[in-house]
């Protein structure tokens, strides 16, 4: 007789996924309504349907709709990237930052600002992507041993690379006051002044990374059993880690290129899904991060708009502020 527990667990999780989608819809609505200038939800609806054309409607359609869409896409990419990198490293404290992605993007952007006198975030896009991808690939190269990708060496190599790149980044920034002024806002991570056009160049890489991450979920479950057990089950461990690393690079580098180096979203989203769904099954975890990542990022962005209204704090500052105690709790839990 087949075991009824997997089916029962699936049915139990469906309401949680529905609740997550409802919470995400509420956050998206609040993102359209709240800010330096609050807009009634009725006006938001009229603006979206084309029934309103006043100043409030222009704020909604011209500024907040693109900002919300960018948050949804970037949050989903970071959440999934975090789940995959924790899977391939078997490290619950790993995140895209572990691969040096944020530091690589930051160094490339600051260097481009210094050397090419760039002034707008849309001009940083490809430099950020190239820097993030190059840093992640270099960290993976450092971690390879006898053709395999060693998780411990990956974490250590990524951390060392991150520290080196950060020191070089600050050296370049201090060498030029203009570079410091231009770069500090991008380095904090922001969703403001991001039109939908910034997403277009990275949509192919985001799509490829997401499809690859979803395809790898059964193999990531096998990796959680250990390399020897995974190989006994016929899983090509080295190739799975390489493919997983590629998925993380495509997703996280695209997200960082669009919104800057946002901390803790990729770390927190997988843990939130694990706690709520009571599972480490990547076939559930990765789809769950498609909801949890945007939910966390939108929440942080909304808080950033409200805490010092009518001014606002960048979402990267809020996510770091909320993520620091989370990291401490996770580190304490893992140490037990």
Protein backbone atom coordinates (compact mmCIF):
# COMPACT_ATOMS: atom_id res chain seq x y z
CA UNK A 1 0.00 0.00 0.00
CA UNK A 2 1.46 3.44 -0.95
CA UNK A 3 2.45 5.79 1.85
CA UNK A 4 -0.32 8.44 2.21
CA UNK A 5 1.92 10.92 4.05
CA UNK A 6 3.44 12.72 1.02
CA UNK A 7 -0.02 13.41 -0.41
CA UNK A 8 -1.27 14.56 2.99
CA UNK A 9 1.70 16.90 3.38
CA UNK A 10 1.06 18.34 -0.08
CA UNK A 11 -2.58 19.03 0.74
CA UNK A 12 -1.59 20.63 4.05
CA UNK A 13 0.82 23.00 2.30
CA UNK A 14 -1.62 24.20 -0.35
CA UNK A 15 -3.44 26.58 2.07
CA UNK A 16 -0.07 27.95 3.19
CA UNK A 17 0.92 28.70 -0.40
CA UNK A 18 -2.46 30.36 -0.97
CA UNK A 19 -2.00 32.41 2.23
CA UNK A 20 1.47 33.41 1.04
CA UNK A 21 0.11 34.57 -2.31
CA UNK A 22 -2.62 36.57 -0.53
CA UNK A 23 -0.03 38.19 1.75
CA UNK A 24 2.08 39.03 -1.29
CA UNK A 25 -0.95 40.59 -3.01
CA UNK A 26 -1.63 42.71 0.10
CA UNK A 27 2.01 43.86 0.21
CA UNK A 28 1.88 44.75 -3.47
CA UNK A 29 -1.28 46.81 -2.92
CA UNK A 30 0.32 48.60 0.04
CA UNK A 31 3.41 49.24 -2.05
CA UNK A 32 1.24 51.02 -4.59
CA UNK A 33 -0.62 53.01 -1.94
CA UNK A 34 2.00 54.01 0.65
CA UNK A 35 4.95 56.34 0.47
CA UNK A 36 5.83 59.99 0.91
CA UNK A 37 2.38 60.65 -0.52
CA UNK A 38 -0.28 58.13 0.48
CA UNK A 39 -2.85 57.23 -2.15
CA UNK A 40 -6.25 55.69 -1.29
CA UNK A 41 -6.67 52.12 -2.49
CA UNK A 42 -9.72 53.16 -4.51
CA UNK A 43 -7.57 55.67 -6.39
CA UNK A 44 -4.90 53.01 -6.88
CA UNK A 45 -7.50 50.75 -8.50
CA UNK A 46 -8.80 53.57 -10.69
CA UNK A 47 -5.24 54.38 -11.77
CA UNK A 48 -4.55 50.77 -12.69
CA UNK A 49 -7.78 50.49 -14.68
CA UNK A 50 -7.29 53.84 -16.41
CA UNK A 51 -10.25 55.52 -14.72
CA UNK A 52 -8.09 58.14 -12.95
CA UNK A 53 -5.54 60.50 -14.49
CA UNK A 54 -4.69 63.00 -11.75
CA UNK A 55 -1.42 63.49 -9.82
CA UNK A 56 -2.10 60.51 -7.55
CA UNK A 57 -2.71 58.28 -10.54
CA UNK A 58 0.58 59.41 -12.10
CA UNK A 59 2.42 58.59 -8.89
CA UNK A 60 0.93 55.10 -8.91
CA UNK A 61 1.45 54.24 -12.57
CA UNK A 62 4.65 56.16 -13.19
CA UNK A 63 6.61 55.45 -10.01
CA UNK A 64 5.10 52.79 -7.79
CA UNK A 65 4.02 50.20 -10.35
CA UNK A 66 7.55 49.87 -11.79
CA UNK A 67 9.03 49.88 -8.28
CA UNK A 68 6.68 47.13 -7.13
CA UNK A 69 7.26 44.97 -10.20
CA UNK A 70 11.04 45.31 -9.80
CA UNK A 71 10.71 44.31 -6.13
CA UNK A 72 8.69 41.22 -7.07
CA UNK A 73 11.22 40.09 -9.67
CA UNK A 74 14.34 40.89 -7.65
CA UNK A 75 12.93 39.36 -4.47
CA UNK A 76 12.00 36.14 -6.27
CA UNK A 77 15.45 35.89 -7.86
CA UNK A 78 17.27 36.43 -4.56
CA UNK A 79 15.02 34.04 -2.66
CA UNK A 80 15.49 31.20 -5.15
CA UNK A 81 19.23 31.89 -5.41
CA UNK A 82 19.49 31.64 -1.62
CA UNK A 83 17.69 28.29 -1.54
CA UNK A 84 19.92 26.86 -4.26
CA UNK A 85 23.21 28.08 -2.77
CA UNK A 86 22.25 26.65 0.63
CA UNK A 87 21.46 23.38 -1.12
CA UNK A 88 24.69 23.03 -3.06
CA UNK A 89 26.84 24.02 -0.07
CA UNK A 90 24.74 22.22 2.57
CA UNK A 91 25.25 25.36 4.63
CA UNK A 92 22.14 26.99 6.19
CA UNK A 93 24.06 30.27 6.61
CA UNK A 94 25.02 30.51 2.94
CA UNK A 95 23.57 33.17 0.67
CA UNK A 96 24.44 34.69 -2.72
CA UNK A 97 26.85 36.94 -0.84
CA UNK A 98 28.86 33.79 -0.06
CA UNK A 99 29.89 33.62 -3.71
CA UNK A 100 31.16 37.21 -3.65
CA UNK A 101 28.32 38.36 -5.91
CA UNK A 102 27.52 41.59 -4.05
CA UNK A 103 31.17 42.55 -3.68
CA UNK A 104 31.93 41.80 -7.33
CA UNK A 105 29.03 43.91 -8.54
CA UNK A 106 29.96 46.76 -6.21
CA UNK A 107 33.58 46.80 -7.34
CA UNK A 108 32.61 46.77 -11.02
CA UNK A 109 30.08 49.59 -10.60
CA UNK A 110 32.41 51.82 -8.57
CA UNK A 111 35.22 51.25 -11.06
CA UNK A 112 32.91 52.10 -13.96
CA UNK A 113 31.74 55.28 -12.20
CA UNK A 114 35.34 56.29 -11.52
CA UNK A 115 36.72 55.48 -14.99
CA UNK A 116 33.74 56.19 -17.27
CA UNK A 117 31.95 58.92 -15.28
CA UNK A 118 28.60 57.13 -15.27
CA UNK A 119 25.76 58.89 -13.46
CA UNK A 120 22.56 56.80 -13.76
CA UNK A 121 21.68 53.34 -12.39
CA UNK A 122 20.59 52.10 -15.82
CA UNK A 123 24.16 52.71 -17.02
CA UNK A 124 25.57 50.50 -14.26
CA UNK A 125 23.51 47.46 -15.26
CA UNK A 126 25.93 45.47 -17.36
CA UNK A 127 28.94 46.42 -15.27
CA UNK A 128 27.14 45.16 -12.16
CA UNK A 129 26.14 41.92 -13.86
CA UNK A 130 29.61 41.31 -15.26
CA UNK A 131 31.28 42.02 -11.92
CA UNK A 132 28.88 39.81 -9.98
CA UNK A 133 29.19 36.92 -12.44
CA UNK A 134 32.99 37.18 -12.63
CA UNK A 135 33.34 37.19 -8.83
CA UNK A 136 31.04 34.19 -8.42
CA UNK A 137 32.81 32.19 -11.12
CA UNK A 138 36.19 33.03 -9.59
CA UNK A 139 34.96 31.91 -6.16
CA UNK A 140 33.84 28.62 -7.70
CA UNK A 141 37.21 28.21 -9.40
CA UNK A 142 38.93 28.68 -6.03
CA UNK A 143 36.66 26.04 -4.52
CA UNK A 144 37.35 23.34 -7.11
CA UNK A 145 39.41 20.40 -6.01
CA UNK A 146 40.03 17.45 -8.32
CA UNK A 147 37.22 18.68 -10.55
CA UNK A 148 34.67 18.78 -7.73
CA UNK A 149 33.18 21.87 -6.11
CA UNK A 150 34.00 21.68 -2.41
CA UNK A 151 31.32 23.44 -0.26
CA UNK A 152 33.72 24.46 2.52
CA UNK A 153 36.28 25.85 0.09
CA UNK A 154 33.46 27.67 -1.72
CA UNK A 155 32.36 29.42 1.48
CA UNK A 156 35.93 30.31 2.45
CA UNK A 157 36.92 31.39 -1.06
CA UNK A 158 33.82 33.54 -1.45
CA UNK A 159 34.38 35.20 1.93
CA UNK A 160 38.02 35.99 1.18
CA UNK A 161 37.15 37.30 -2.28
CA UNK A 162 34.39 39.46 -0.80
CA UNK A 163 36.77 41.07 1.69
CA UNK A 164 39.39 41.74 -0.99
CA UNK A 165 36.87 43.27 -3.39
CA UNK A 166 35.32 45.42 -0.65
CA UNK A 167 38.73 46.84 0.24
CA UNK A 168 39.44 47.62 -3.41
CA UNK A 169 35.99 49.18 -3.79
CA UNK A 170 36.52 51.57 -0.88
CA UNK A 171 39.98 52.44 -2.17
CA UNK A 172 38.51 53.51 -5.50
CA UNK A 173 35.71 55.44 -3.78
CA UNK A 174 38.09 57.31 -1.52
CA UNK A 175 40.26 58.21 -4.49
CA UNK A 176 37.41 60.24 -5.97
CA UNK A 177 34.75 62.18 -4.06
CA UNK A 178 32.47 62.08 -7.10
CA UNK A 179 32.73 58.29 -7.25
CA UNK A 180 31.93 58.16 -3.53
CA UNK A 181 28.84 60.34 -3.94
CA UNK A 182 27.55 58.45 -6.99
CA UNK A 183 28.23 54.96 -5.71
CA UNK A 184 27.08 55.10 -2.10
CA UNK A 185 23.37 55.16 -3.00
CA UNK A 186 23.69 52.19 -5.36
CA UNK A 187 25.81 50.24 -2.88
CA UNK A 188 23.12 50.60 -0.21
CA UNK A 189 20.63 48.83 -2.49
CA UNK A 190 17.52 50.60 -3.73
CA UNK A 191 14.31 50.09 -5.68
CA UNK A 192 13.70 53.80 -6.22
CA UNK A 193 14.02 55.25 -9.71
CA UNK A 194 14.09 51.83 -11.31
CA UNK A 195 11.90 51.88 -14.45
CA UNK A 196 10.64 48.65 -15.91
CA UNK A 197 13.19 48.99 -18.69
CA UNK A 198 16.00 47.99 -16.29
CA UNK A 199 14.45 44.52 -16.14
CA UNK A 200 14.36 43.90 -19.88
CA UNK A 201 18.08 43.14 -20.41
CA UNK A 202 18.21 40.61 -17.55
CA UNK A 203 14.91 38.81 -18.16
CA UNK A 204 16.57 36.06 -20.26
CA UNK A 205 19.18 35.33 -17.60
CA UNK A 206 16.53 35.39 -14.89
CA UNK A 207 14.35 32.96 -16.82
CA UNK A 208 17.24 30.56 -17.51
CA UNK A 209 18.36 30.70 -13.88
CA UNK A 210 14.85 30.02 -12.57
CA UNK A 211 14.22 27.08 -14.93
CA UNK A 212 17.61 25.61 -14.02
CA UNK A 213 16.94 26.03 -10.28
CA UNK A 214 13.55 24.31 -10.52
CA UNK A 215 15.01 21.48 -12.59
CA UNK A 216 17.70 20.85 -9.96
CA UNK A 217 15.36 20.49 -6.97
CA UNK A 218 15.30 16.65 -6.89
CA UNK A 219 19.10 16.51 -7.11
CA UNK A 220 19.45 19.10 -4.34
CA UNK A 221 17.42 16.81 -2.09
CA UNK A 222 19.89 14.03 -2.84
CA UNK A 223 22.84 16.32 -2.06
CA UNK A 224 21.36 16.98 1.39
CA UNK A 225 22.02 13.31 2.20
CA UNK A 226 25.76 13.77 1.63
CA UNK A 227 27.98 13.33 -1.41
CA UNK A 228 28.47 9.59 -0.96
CA UNK A 229 24.74 8.91 -0.60
CA UNK A 230 23.94 11.15 -3.55
CA UNK A 231 26.45 9.36 -5.75
CA UNK A 232 25.04 6.01 -4.63
CA UNK A 233 21.64 7.24 -5.86
CA UNK A 234 23.18 8.01 -9.26
CA UNK A 235 23.37 11.79 -8.83
CA UNK A 236 26.39 13.38 -10.61
CA UNK A 237 27.44 15.53 -7.65
CA UNK A 238 30.08 17.63 -9.42
CA UNK A 239 27.79 18.49 -12.33
CA UNK A 240 24.86 19.30 -10.04
CA UNK A 241 26.98 21.69 -7.98
CA UNK A 242 28.28 23.36 -11.12
CA UNK A 243 24.76 23.72 -12.54
CA UNK A 244 23.49 25.00 -9.19
CA UNK A 245 26.30 27.53 -9.02
CA UNK A 246 25.41 28.70 -12.52
CA UNK A 247 21.75 29.13 -11.52
CA UNK A 248 22.78 31.19 -8.49
CA UNK A 249 25.05 33.38 -10.63
CA UNK A 250 22.33 34.04 -13.22
CA UNK A 251 19.65 34.84 -10.63
CA UNK A 252 21.64 36.78 -8.05
CA UNK A 253 23.82 38.67 -10.52
CA UNK A 254 20.72 39.81 -12.42
CA UNK A 255 19.01 40.92 -9.19
CA UNK A 256 22.07 42.80 -7.94
CA UNK A 257 22.55 44.45 -11.32
CA UNK A 258 18.99 45.82 -11.17
CA UNK A 259 18.63 46.85 -7.52
CA UNK A 260 22.13 46.92 -6.06
CA UNK A 261 23.60 44.60 -3.42
CA UNK A 262 20.64 43.75 -1.18
CA UNK A 263 21.65 41.79 1.90
CA UNK A 264 19.81 39.02 3.77
CA UNK A 265 16.89 38.45 1.36
CA UNK A 266 18.61 35.39 -0.10
CA UNK A 267 19.51 34.19 3.40
CA UNK A 268 16.15 34.78 5.08
CA UNK A 269 13.67 33.61 2.43
CA UNK A 270 14.63 29.88 2.51
CA UNK A 271 14.56 29.84 6.31
CA UNK A 272 11.13 31.49 6.38
CA UNK A 273 9.77 28.84 4.01
CA UNK A 274 11.37 26.03 6.01
CA UNK A 275 9.82 27.27 9.24
CA UNK A 276 6.34 27.86 7.83
CA UNK A 277 6.09 24.69 5.72
CA UNK A 278 8.12 22.48 8.08
CA UNK A 279 10.11 20.98 5.22
CA UNK A 280 13.56 20.97 3.67
CA UNK A 281 12.31 19.42 0.43
CA UNK A 282 13.70 21.63 -2.33
CA UNK A 283 10.77 20.75 -4.55
CA UNK A 284 8.68 22.76 -2.08
CA UNK A 285 11.38 25.12 -0.82
CA UNK A 286 12.33 26.67 -4.16
CA UNK A 287 8.73 27.46 -5.26
CA UNK A 288 8.07 28.78 -1.76
CA UNK A 289 10.99 31.19 -2.12
CA UNK A 290 9.30 32.62 -5.20
CA UNK A 291 6.74 33.98 -2.75
CA UNK A 292 8.86 34.56 0.37
CA UNK A 293 11.61 36.53 -1.39
CA UNK A 294 9.29 39.19 -2.89
CA UNK A 295 7.27 39.28 0.35
CA UNK A 296 10.36 40.10 2.42
CA UNK A 297 11.68 42.64 -0.06
CA UNK A 298 8.36 44.46 -0.46
CA UNK A 299 7.90 44.57 3.32
CA UNK A 300 11.36 46.09 3.78
CA UNK A 301 10.71 48.60 0.99
CA UNK A 302 7.38 49.70 2.49
CA UNK A 303 8.98 50.14 5.92
CA UNK A 304 11.76 52.19 4.34
CA UNK A 305 9.20 54.60 2.91
CA UNK A 306 7.35 55.03 6.19
CA UNK A 307 9.93 55.24 9.00
CA UNK A 308 11.17 58.75 8.19
CA UNK A 309 8.37 59.94 5.92
CA UNK A 310 8.31 62.12 3.80
CA UNK A 311 11.92 61.03 3.21
CA UNK A 312 12.76 57.36 2.91
CA UNK A 313 15.44 54.85 3.79
CA UNK A 314 16.78 52.65 1.03
CA UNK A 315 15.53 49.09 1.07
CA UNK A 316 19.06 47.73 1.42
CA UNK A 317 19.44 49.56 4.74
CA UNK A 318 16.12 48.21 6.06
CA UNK A 319 16.85 44.64 4.93
CA UNK A 320 20.27 44.77 6.59
CA UNK A 321 18.76 46.21 9.79
CA UNK A 322 16.15 43.44 9.92
CA UNK A 323 18.54 40.75 8.76
CA UNK A 324 21.30 41.28 11.31
CA UNK A 325 19.33 39.84 14.28
CA UNK A 326 18.06 37.07 12.02
CA UNK A 327 21.62 36.08 11.14
CA UNK A 328 22.54 36.04 14.83
CA UNK A 329 19.57 33.78 15.64
CA UNK A 330 20.38 31.43 12.78
CA UNK A 331 24.04 31.23 13.75
CA UNK A 332 23.04 30.40 17.32
CA UNK A 333 20.58 27.76 16.14
CA UNK A 334 23.13 26.13 13.82
CA UNK A 335 25.75 26.11 16.59
CA UNK A 336 23.51 24.07 18.90
